[in-house]
Amino acid sequence: MKNLDGQYVLVNQTFADMFHPDVKQVTGMGAAGLLEPEIAELLAEQDRAVLETGVGRSFEYSAQMDGTKHTFLTNKAPYRDANEKWWGSLG
């Protein structure tokens, strides 16, 4: 889960393991602090797409990590708080 500033506020251990051994180290970071700039920008574009439309979508992309190409399928959706205020994105 990311807030509107693109910072991870909730991640699972599997996601954290790709970058750091501890979830606490990833929480509060943005994609730009974890990934190559072009992949971080791609993820930001995906987040903007679901926030602008208010509709969840699936995205597929590939990225080099530790010298190996990985393909990711991500389901993203906008997230609103209890007062229906946009809070961020899931996925």
Protein backbone atom coordinates (compact mmCIF):
# COMPACT_ATOMS: atom_id res chain seq x y z
CA MET A 1 0.00 0.00 0.00
CA LYS A 2 1.31 3.44 -0.94
CA ASN A 3 0.16 6.84 0.23
CA LEU A 4 -0.52 9.70 -2.20
CA ASP A 5 3.16 10.69 -2.00
CA GLY A 6 4.14 7.28 -3.38
CA GLN A 7 5.67 6.04 -0.13
CA TYR A 8 5.12 2.44 0.91
CA VAL A 9 3.15 2.41 4.16
CA LEU A 10 2.33 -1.30 4.25
CA VAL A 11 4.27 -4.11 2.57
CA ASN A 12 4.41 -7.85 3.06
CA GLN A 13 7.57 -9.75 3.89
CA THR A 14 7.88 -11.21 0.36
CA PHE A 15 8.01 -7.70 -1.12
CA ALA A 16 10.49 -6.55 1.52
CA ASP A 17 12.72 -9.58 0.89
CA MET A 18 13.30 -8.40 -2.68
CA PHE A 19 15.02 -5.26 -1.37
CA HIS A 20 15.83 -5.45 2.35
CA PRO A 21 15.52 -8.17 4.96
CA ASP A 22 13.22 -6.10 7.15
CA VAL A 23 9.77 -4.72 6.34
CA LYS A 24 10.53 -1.67 8.52
CA GLN A 25 13.38 -0.68 6.19
CA VAL A 26 11.07 -0.59 3.14
CA THR A 27 8.17 1.17 4.87
CA GLY A 28 8.35 4.90 4.21
CA MET A 29 10.42 4.53 1.06
CA GLY A 30 9.19 5.19 -2.44
CA ALA A 31 9.87 3.08 -5.53
CA ALA A 32 12.63 5.53 -6.53
CA GLY A 33 14.60 4.47 -3.46
CA LEU A 34 14.29 0.79 -4.32
CA LEU A 35 14.28 0.42 -8.11
CA GLU A 36 15.95 1.69 -11.25
CA PRO A 37 14.60 5.14 -12.22
CA GLU A 38 12.71 3.94 -15.31
CA ILE A 39 10.92 1.19 -13.35
CA ALA A 40 10.13 3.58 -10.48
CA GLU A 41 8.59 6.02 -12.99
CA LEU A 42 6.60 3.21 -14.61
CA LEU A 43 5.15 2.24 -11.23
CA ALA A 44 4.31 5.88 -10.50
CA GLU A 45 2.47 6.09 -13.83
CA GLN A 46 0.51 2.96 -12.96
CA ASP A 47 -0.44 4.41 -9.57
CA ARG A 48 -1.54 7.66 -11.22
CA ALA A 49 -3.68 5.72 -13.71
CA VAL A 50 -5.70 3.99 -11.01
CA LEU A 51 -5.97 7.14 -8.88
CA GLU A 52 -7.12 9.29 -11.82
CA THR A 53 -9.78 6.81 -12.98
CA GLY A 54 -10.77 5.43 -9.61
CA VAL A 55 -10.73 1.96 -11.18
CA GLY A 56 -8.44 -0.95 -10.34
CA ARG A 57 -6.32 -2.48 -13.10
CA SER A 58 -3.76 -5.18 -13.72
CA PHE A 59 -0.29 -4.30 -15.01
CA GLU A 60 2.56 -6.47 -16.24
CA TYR A 61 6.17 -5.30 -16.40
CA SER A 62 9.71 -6.70 -16.34
CA ALA A 63 12.69 -5.51 -14.34
CA GLN A 64 16.29 -6.56 -13.79
CA MET A 65 16.98 -7.43 -10.17
CA ASP A 66 20.31 -8.82 -9.03
CA GLY A 67 21.24 -9.52 -12.65
CA THR A 68 18.12 -11.55 -13.38
CA LYS A 69 15.09 -10.46 -15.38
CA HIS A 70 11.84 -10.80 -13.42
CA THR A 71 8.32 -10.33 -14.76
CA PHE A 72 5.70 -8.98 -12.38
CA LEU A 73 1.91 -9.03 -12.66
CA THR A 74 0.47 -6.42 -10.33
CA ASN A 75 -3.16 -5.68 -9.48
CA LYS A 76 -3.54 -2.07 -8.39
CA ALA A 77 -6.53 -0.22 -7.03
CA PRO A 78 -7.20 3.17 -5.46
CA TYR A 79 -7.73 3.23 -1.71
CA ARG A 80 -10.09 5.53 0.17
CA ASP A 81 -10.40 6.04 3.89
CA ALA A 82 -13.60 5.68 5.92
CA ASN A 83 -14.64 9.21 4.86
CA GLU A 84 -14.24 8.35 1.14
CA LYS A 85 -11.13 10.55 0.90
CA TRP A 86 -8.45 9.29 -1.50
CA TRP A 87 -5.64 7.92 0.60
CA GLY A 88 -3.36 6.06 -1.82
CA SER A 89 -3.11 2.91 -3.88
CA LEU A 90 -3.05 -0.81 -3.21
CA GLY A 91 -0.92 -3.23 -5.16
